[in-house]
Amino acid sequence: MNSFRLPPAGFFPAWLFLGLLAALLAATGCKPSSAPPAERKPRIALVMKSLANEFFSTMAEGARQHQAANAAAYELVVNGIKNETDLAEQVGLVEQMIARRVDAIVIAPADSKALVPVLKRAKAAGILVVNIDNKLDAEVLRQEGLTVPFVGPDNRAGARLVGEAVAKRLQPADKVAIIEGIPTAFNGQQRRLGFEDAIKAAGLKLVSVQSGNWEMERANTVAAALLAEHADLRAILCANDSMALGAVAAVQAAGKSGKVLVAGFDNISAIRPMLADGRVAATADQHADQLAVFGIEAALKMLKGEAPAADQTTAVDLITR
C-alpha cells in the first residue's frame, strides 16, 4: 500500500513546508492542540417532598435564588413529588438523578426509612448525598453501612416551644389533641414528642394523637372527628401549617372559633393572617427559604474536597401574634 511522505523540511522554503503540513493535518482530521476545556460545573439535584405544600415551594424558590446568585459555581436540578405520601415517586426521582449522573443529591425524604436503599445506590454510583428537613433513620443507615450528613432544625425543641405557647393560654387538665405527620417520618415523630413534652409539663390532658399525613384535607377530617368526639376539647396541635389550615376550617365549621386553639409548624404565608386574628395561636419558623441552601452549601464544600460535613442544626423560632 502506497503511503504519502513529506519531503525533508529543508527541501522546501519554510513557508511552503508549513503550508503543506497544515493542509495534511486538515485532510486527516487532525487539529492543532488547544487550551483544555473549562472544568464542568457540578450539578446538584434538590429532591423534595410535595411541592403543593407552600413550605417546599418556598424551599425550592430559595434554592433557585441561591443558584442564580452563584451561577458560575454549580447547576441546580429541582424535583418534588405530588403529595407527601407518594414514596414510590420520590424513589423514582432519586433513580432518575442517578441515571443523569448528578454530582450531589440534597434530599428532604418523604419517609425516614424507605428512601435509604435508593440513596445507598446513589452513593455507590459516586453521588454525594446530603439530608435536609426530615432526618433519615439512624438505625437503618447503620444497617446499610451508610453515612449521610443532616442539615436541619431541632424539630422536637421547636414543637415544644409551640406547645408551651399554647399551654400558657390553657388551664391544667384541659383536653388537647395532636394531629401528627406521617408516623414513619423522623421530623413528624420529633414534633409529636415536642408537643407531648409541653403537654406533660403543663399538666394538660392529651386525649388523642392521629395522623393527618401532613395534608390539609386529611387533617380537616381528623379535626372534625376530634371536635365531635370531645366536646370540651381546648386545643389541637398540628405538626405542620398545612394541617393547621385544615384544623382551623374544622373549628370554624363546628362553631368553636375562639374556644379551641389551633397551632402549627412552618410559618407559611397562608397561616400569618390567622396568627394575626387569633385563629392560630402559634407556629414555628424553620426558615424554609434557607433550609435547602444550607444543604446545597454543605454539598458544594464536600465536592471541593472538604471533609464530610457533620450534622448541622439550623434555627427554628417560635411565632405568635
Protein backbone atom coordinates (compact mmCIF):
# COMPACT_ATOMS: atom_id res chain seq x y z
CA MET A 1 0.00 0.00 0.00
CA ASN A 2 1.46 3.36 -1.05
CA SER A 3 1.94 5.99 1.64
CA PHE A 4 2.48 9.70 1.43
CA ARG A 5 5.59 11.22 2.95
CA LEU A 6 6.54 14.82 3.29
CA PRO A 7 9.91 15.73 1.90
CA PRO A 8 12.55 16.77 4.41
CA ALA A 9 11.93 20.19 5.90
CA GLY A 10 14.91 21.69 4.13
CA PHE A 11 13.61 20.64 0.71
CA PHE A 12 11.04 23.47 0.62
CA PRO A 13 11.14 27.02 1.87
CA ALA A 14 9.82 27.16 5.43
CA TRP A 15 6.60 28.90 4.47
CA LEU A 16 5.78 26.26 1.87
CA PHE A 17 6.60 23.40 4.23
CA LEU A 18 4.33 24.76 6.94
CA GLY A 19 1.52 25.26 4.44
CA LEU A 20 1.77 21.66 3.25
CA LEU A 21 1.81 20.41 6.83
CA ALA A 22 -1.34 22.38 7.69
CA ALA A 23 -3.10 21.02 4.60
CA LEU A 24 -2.17 17.45 5.54
CA LEU A 25 -3.46 17.89 9.10
CA ALA A 26 -6.76 19.26 7.81
CA ALA A 27 -7.13 16.39 5.34
CA THR A 28 -6.60 13.76 8.04
CA GLY A 29 -8.97 15.43 10.51
CA CYS A 30 -6.23 16.34 12.94
CA LYS A 31 -6.30 19.68 14.71
CA PRO A 32 -3.56 21.53 16.50
CA SER A 33 -3.82 21.22 20.27
CA SER A 34 -5.81 23.93 22.02
CA ALA A 35 -6.33 25.04 25.62
CA PRO A 36 -8.10 22.44 27.81
CA PRO A 37 -11.88 22.89 28.09
CA ALA A 38 -13.24 24.70 31.10
CA GLU A 39 -13.98 22.44 34.07
CA ARG A 40 -17.61 21.30 34.17
CA LYS A 41 -19.72 22.86 36.89
CA PRO A 42 -21.11 20.36 39.42
CA ARG A 43 -24.79 19.51 39.11
CA ILE A 44 -26.75 19.39 42.35
CA ALA A 45 -30.21 17.82 42.49
CA LEU A 46 -32.68 19.08 45.09
CA VAL A 47 -35.25 16.35 45.78
CA MET A 48 -38.13 17.46 47.97
CA LYS A 49 -41.48 16.34 49.25
CA SER A 50 -44.78 17.76 48.00
CA LEU A 51 -44.42 20.98 46.02
CA ALA A 52 -48.14 21.50 46.67
CA ASN A 53 -47.08 22.34 50.23
CA GLU A 54 -46.09 26.02 50.41
CA PHE A 55 -43.19 25.15 52.70
CA PHE A 56 -41.45 23.16 49.97
CA SER A 57 -42.27 25.58 47.16
CA THR A 58 -40.63 28.27 49.32
CA MET A 59 -37.66 25.97 49.83
CA ALA A 60 -37.35 25.44 46.08
CA GLU A 61 -37.51 29.16 45.36
CA GLY A 62 -34.80 29.87 47.93
CA ALA A 63 -32.58 27.27 46.26
CA ARG A 64 -33.18 28.75 42.79
CA GLN A 65 -32.30 32.23 44.01
CA HIS A 66 -29.09 30.91 45.56
CA GLN A 67 -28.10 29.18 42.31
CA ALA A 68 -28.86 32.31 40.29
CA ALA A 69 -26.54 34.26 42.55
CA ASN A 70 -23.87 31.55 42.20
CA ALA A 71 -24.42 30.50 38.59
CA ALA A 72 -20.70 30.09 37.95
CA ALA A 73 -20.35 27.65 40.85
CA TYR A 74 -22.98 24.98 40.14
CA GLU A 75 -26.05 23.86 38.22
CA LEU A 76 -29.31 23.04 40.00
CA VAL A 77 -31.99 20.45 39.23
CA VAL A 78 -35.17 20.83 41.30
CA ASN A 79 -37.59 17.92 41.82
CA GLY A 80 -40.59 17.30 44.05
CA ILE A 81 -43.44 14.84 44.44
CA LYS A 82 -47.18 15.39 44.09
CA ASN A 83 -48.17 14.60 47.66
CA GLU A 84 -46.47 13.78 50.92
CA THR A 85 -47.21 10.06 50.84
CA ASP A 86 -46.00 9.23 47.32
CA LEU A 87 -42.83 7.43 48.38
CA ALA A 88 -42.53 5.47 45.12
CA GLU A 89 -42.42 8.71 43.13
CA GLN A 90 -39.65 10.13 45.30
CA VAL A 91 -37.64 6.91 44.98
CA GLY A 92 -38.12 7.22 41.22
CA LEU A 93 -36.84 10.80 41.27
CA VAL A 94 -33.65 9.70 43.02
CA GLU A 95 -33.19 6.92 40.46
CA GLN A 96 -33.57 9.48 37.68
CA MET A 97 -30.88 11.63 39.26
CA ILE A 98 -28.58 8.60 39.44
CA ALA A 99 -29.19 7.96 35.74
CA ARG A 100 -28.44 11.62 34.95
CA ARG A 101 -25.15 11.33 36.86
CA VAL A 102 -25.62 14.39 39.01
CA ASP A 103 -22.76 15.14 41.37
CA ALA A 104 -24.82 15.56 44.53
CA ILE A 105 -28.35 14.95 45.81
CA VAL A 106 -29.77 17.18 48.54
CA ILE A 107 -32.92 15.45 49.73
CA ALA A 108 -35.84 16.09 52.07
CA PRO A 109 -37.06 12.47 52.30
CA ALA A 110 -40.78 11.77 52.49
CA ASP A 111 -40.00 8.80 54.73
CA SER A 112 -37.03 8.37 57.04
CA LYS A 113 -36.59 4.67 56.27
CA ALA A 114 -37.97 3.97 52.80
CA LEU A 115 -35.54 6.28 50.98
CA VAL A 116 -32.36 4.80 52.48
CA PRO A 117 -31.87 1.92 49.97
CA VAL A 118 -32.07 4.15 46.87
CA LEU A 119 -29.77 6.70 48.49
CA LYS A 120 -27.31 3.89 49.13
CA ARG A 121 -27.42 3.14 45.38
CA ALA A 122 -26.76 6.82 44.70
CA LYS A 123 -23.68 6.81 46.90
CA ALA A 124 -22.48 3.58 45.29
CA ALA A 125 -22.69 5.43 41.96
CA GLY A 126 -20.35 8.08 43.32
CA ILE A 127 -23.02 10.68 44.08
CA LEU A 128 -22.74 12.78 47.22
CA VAL A 129 -25.88 12.78 49.40
CA VAL A 130 -26.93 15.46 51.91
CA ASN A 131 -30.09 15.03 54.01
CA ILE A 132 -32.23 18.09 54.86
CA ASP A 133 -35.52 18.77 56.69
CA ASN A 134 -36.53 15.21 57.67
CA LYS A 135 -33.70 13.16 59.14
CA LEU A 136 -33.04 9.67 57.81
CA ASP A 137 -33.44 6.86 60.34
CA ALA A 138 -30.14 6.33 62.19
CA GLU A 139 -30.65 2.59 62.70
CA VAL A 140 -31.49 1.91 59.05
CA LEU A 141 -28.46 3.96 57.98
CA ARG A 142 -26.30 1.88 60.31
CA GLN A 143 -27.70 -1.38 58.95
CA GLU A 144 -26.96 -0.24 55.40
CA GLY A 145 -23.47 0.94 56.34
CA LEU A 146 -24.35 4.43 55.17
CA THR A 147 -23.28 7.83 56.50
CA VAL A 148 -25.30 10.86 55.36
CA PRO A 149 -24.87 14.32 56.91
CA PHE A 150 -28.07 16.01 58.10
CA VAL A 151 -28.79 19.74 57.86
CA GLY A 152 -31.99 20.88 59.58
CA PRO A 153 -33.74 22.14 62.70
CA ASP A 154 -34.31 20.53 66.08
CA ASN A 155 -37.95 19.67 65.47
CA ARG A 156 -38.59 18.49 69.00
CA ALA A 157 -37.34 21.74 70.52
CA GLY A 158 -39.34 23.80 68.02
CA ALA A 159 -42.56 21.88 68.68
CA ARG A 160 -42.07 22.20 72.42
CA LEU A 161 -41.87 25.99 72.02
CA VAL A 162 -45.18 25.94 70.14
CA GLY A 163 -46.79 23.64 72.71
CA GLU A 164 -45.64 25.84 75.58
CA ALA A 165 -47.12 28.93 73.91
CA VAL A 166 -50.48 27.17 73.66
CA ALA A 167 -50.26 25.80 77.22
CA LYS A 168 -49.87 29.32 78.62
CA ARG A 169 -53.40 30.04 77.42
CA LEU A 170 -54.91 26.93 79.00
CA GLN A 171 -55.54 25.51 82.45
CA PRO A 172 -54.09 22.28 83.90
CA ALA A 173 -56.16 19.22 82.92
CA ASP A 174 -57.59 20.96 79.83
CA LYS A 175 -58.03 18.48 76.97
CA VAL A 176 -55.81 18.74 73.91
CA ALA A 177 -55.15 16.62 70.80
CA ILE A 178 -52.25 16.22 68.39
CA ILE A 179 -52.51 15.82 64.62
CA GLU A 180 -49.14 14.42 63.64
CA GLY A 181 -47.48 14.00 60.24
CA ILE A 182 -46.54 10.70 58.63
CA PRO A 183 -45.75 8.43 61.62
CA THR A 184 -42.60 7.00 59.99
CA ALA A 185 -41.11 10.44 59.30
CA PHE A 186 -38.44 11.42 61.83
CA ASN A 187 -39.42 15.09 61.87
CA GLY A 188 -43.05 14.12 62.46
CA GLN A 189 -42.03 11.90 65.36
CA GLN A 190 -39.91 14.65 66.86
CA ARG A 191 -42.66 17.25 66.60
CA ARG A 192 -45.13 14.92 68.29
CA LEU A 193 -42.63 14.34 71.10
CA GLY A 194 -42.07 18.10 71.44
CA PHE A 195 -45.81 18.70 71.75
CA GLU A 196 -46.05 15.89 74.31
CA ASP A 197 -43.17 17.40 76.31
CA ALA A 198 -45.07 20.69 76.59
CA ILE A 199 -48.39 18.99 77.36
CA LYS A 200 -46.86 16.92 80.16
CA ALA A 201 -45.00 19.88 81.66
CA ALA A 202 -48.19 21.97 81.75
CA GLY A 203 -50.36 19.19 83.20
CA LEU A 204 -52.71 19.15 80.21
CA LYS A 205 -54.66 16.04 79.22
CA LEU A 206 -53.78 14.51 75.85
CA VAL A 207 -56.92 12.77 74.56
CA SER A 208 -55.82 11.73 71.08
CA VAL A 209 -52.90 11.52 68.62
CA GLN A 210 -53.87 10.96 64.99
CA SER A 211 -52.05 11.31 61.68
CA GLY A 212 -53.03 13.92 59.12
CA ASN A 213 -50.29 12.76 56.68
CA TRP A 214 -49.05 16.38 56.53
CA GLU A 215 -52.07 17.29 54.35
CA MET A 216 -54.81 19.89 54.86
CA GLU A 217 -57.80 17.82 53.74
CA ARG A 218 -56.86 14.80 55.82
CA ALA A 219 -56.27 17.00 58.88
CA ASN A 220 -59.63 18.68 58.37
CA THR A 221 -61.35 15.29 58.52
CA VAL A 222 -59.39 14.26 61.60
CA ALA A 223 -60.04 17.56 63.40
CA ALA A 224 -63.77 17.42 62.67
CA ALA A 225 -63.94 13.93 64.20
CA LEU A 226 -61.95 15.06 67.26
CA LEU A 227 -64.28 18.00 67.85
CA ALA A 228 -67.33 15.76 67.57
CA GLU A 229 -65.90 13.17 69.94
CA HIS A 230 -64.51 15.58 72.55
CA ALA A 231 -66.98 18.40 73.12
CA ASP A 232 -64.69 20.02 75.69
CA LEU A 233 -61.50 19.87 73.58
CA ARG A 234 -59.46 23.04 74.12
CA ALA A 235 -56.60 22.82 71.61
CA ILE A 236 -55.38 20.99 68.51
CA LEU A 237 -51.61 20.92 67.97
CA CYS A 238 -50.73 20.25 64.32
CA ALA A 239 -47.29 19.12 63.17
CA ASN A 240 -47.31 21.45 60.16
CA ASP A 241 -49.19 24.52 58.98
CA SER A 242 -50.97 22.75 56.12
CA MET A 243 -52.69 20.54 58.68
CA ALA A 244 -53.33 23.57 60.89
CA LEU A 245 -55.24 25.16 58.00
CA GLY A 246 -57.46 22.08 57.87
CA ALA A 247 -57.97 22.16 61.64
CA VAL A 248 -58.93 25.87 61.57
CA ALA A 249 -61.58 25.13 58.96
CA ALA A 250 -62.95 22.30 61.11
CA VAL A 251 -63.07 24.52 64.21
CA GLN A 252 -64.95 27.20 62.27
CA ALA A 253 -67.38 24.67 60.82
CA ALA A 254 -68.09 23.36 64.33
CA GLY A 255 -68.85 26.89 65.56
CA LYS A 256 -65.97 26.78 68.04
CA SER A 257 -63.77 29.64 66.86
CA GLY A 258 -62.13 31.22 69.88
CA LYS A 259 -62.98 28.20 72.01
CA VAL A 260 -60.48 25.72 70.55
CA LEU A 261 -56.90 26.83 69.98
CA VAL A 262 -55.01 25.63 66.90
CA ALA A 263 -51.23 25.55 66.48
CA GLY A 264 -48.99 24.61 63.56
CA PHE A 265 -45.37 24.40 62.46
CA ASP A 266 -43.56 26.05 59.47
CA ASN A 267 -44.83 29.68 59.39
CA ILE A 268 -46.05 29.54 55.79
CA SER A 269 -47.58 32.75 54.42
CA ALA A 270 -51.11 31.31 54.42
CA ILE A 271 -51.02 30.95 58.20
CA ARG A 272 -49.92 34.51 59.00
CA PRO A 273 -53.33 36.22 58.73
CA MET A 274 -54.67 33.54 61.07
CA LEU A 275 -51.94 34.30 63.57
CA ALA A 276 -52.87 37.97 63.34
CA ASP A 277 -56.57 37.43 64.02
CA GLY A 278 -56.15 34.64 66.57
CA ARG A 279 -57.43 31.68 64.58
CA VAL A 280 -53.96 30.16 65.01
CA ALA A 281 -52.24 30.51 68.38
CA ALA A 282 -48.65 29.72 67.41
CA THR A 283 -46.37 28.19 64.82
CA ALA A 284 -42.63 27.62 64.36
CA ASP A 285 -40.46 29.13 61.65
CA GLN A 286 -37.68 26.85 60.40
CA HIS A 287 -36.77 29.26 57.59
CA ALA A 288 -37.81 27.28 54.53
CA ASP A 289 -36.17 29.75 52.14
CA GLN A 290 -32.75 28.92 53.60
CA LEU A 291 -33.05 25.25 54.53
CA ALA A 292 -32.19 23.83 51.10
CA VAL A 293 -29.49 26.48 50.68
CA PHE A 294 -27.72 25.22 53.81
CA GLY A 295 -27.75 21.71 52.36
CA ILE A 296 -26.50 22.88 48.96
CA GLU A 297 -23.66 24.84 50.55
CA ALA A 298 -22.62 21.77 52.56
CA ALA A 299 -22.63 19.70 49.35
CA LEU A 300 -20.53 22.27 47.47
CA LYS A 301 -17.90 22.27 50.21
CA MET A 302 -17.68 18.47 50.13
CA LEU A 303 -17.45 18.43 46.34
CA LYS A 304 -14.43 20.74 46.64
CA GLY A 305 -12.71 18.14 48.77
CA GLU A 306 -13.51 19.37 52.25
CA ALA A 307 -14.14 16.80 54.98
CA PRO A 308 -17.67 15.35 55.13
CA ALA A 309 -20.00 17.72 56.93
CA ALA A 310 -21.12 16.90 60.42
CA ASP A 311 -24.82 17.15 61.24
CA GLN A 312 -25.79 20.83 61.30
CA THR A 313 -28.65 22.13 63.44
CA THR A 314 -30.38 25.13 61.89
CA ALA A 315 -32.55 27.76 63.55
CA VAL A 316 -36.20 27.32 64.49
CA ASP A 317 -38.15 30.21 66.02
CA LEU A 318 -41.49 30.50 67.81
CA ILE A 319 -44.05 32.72 66.01
CA THR A 320 -47.16 34.03 67.76
CA ARG A 321 -49.45 37.02 67.32
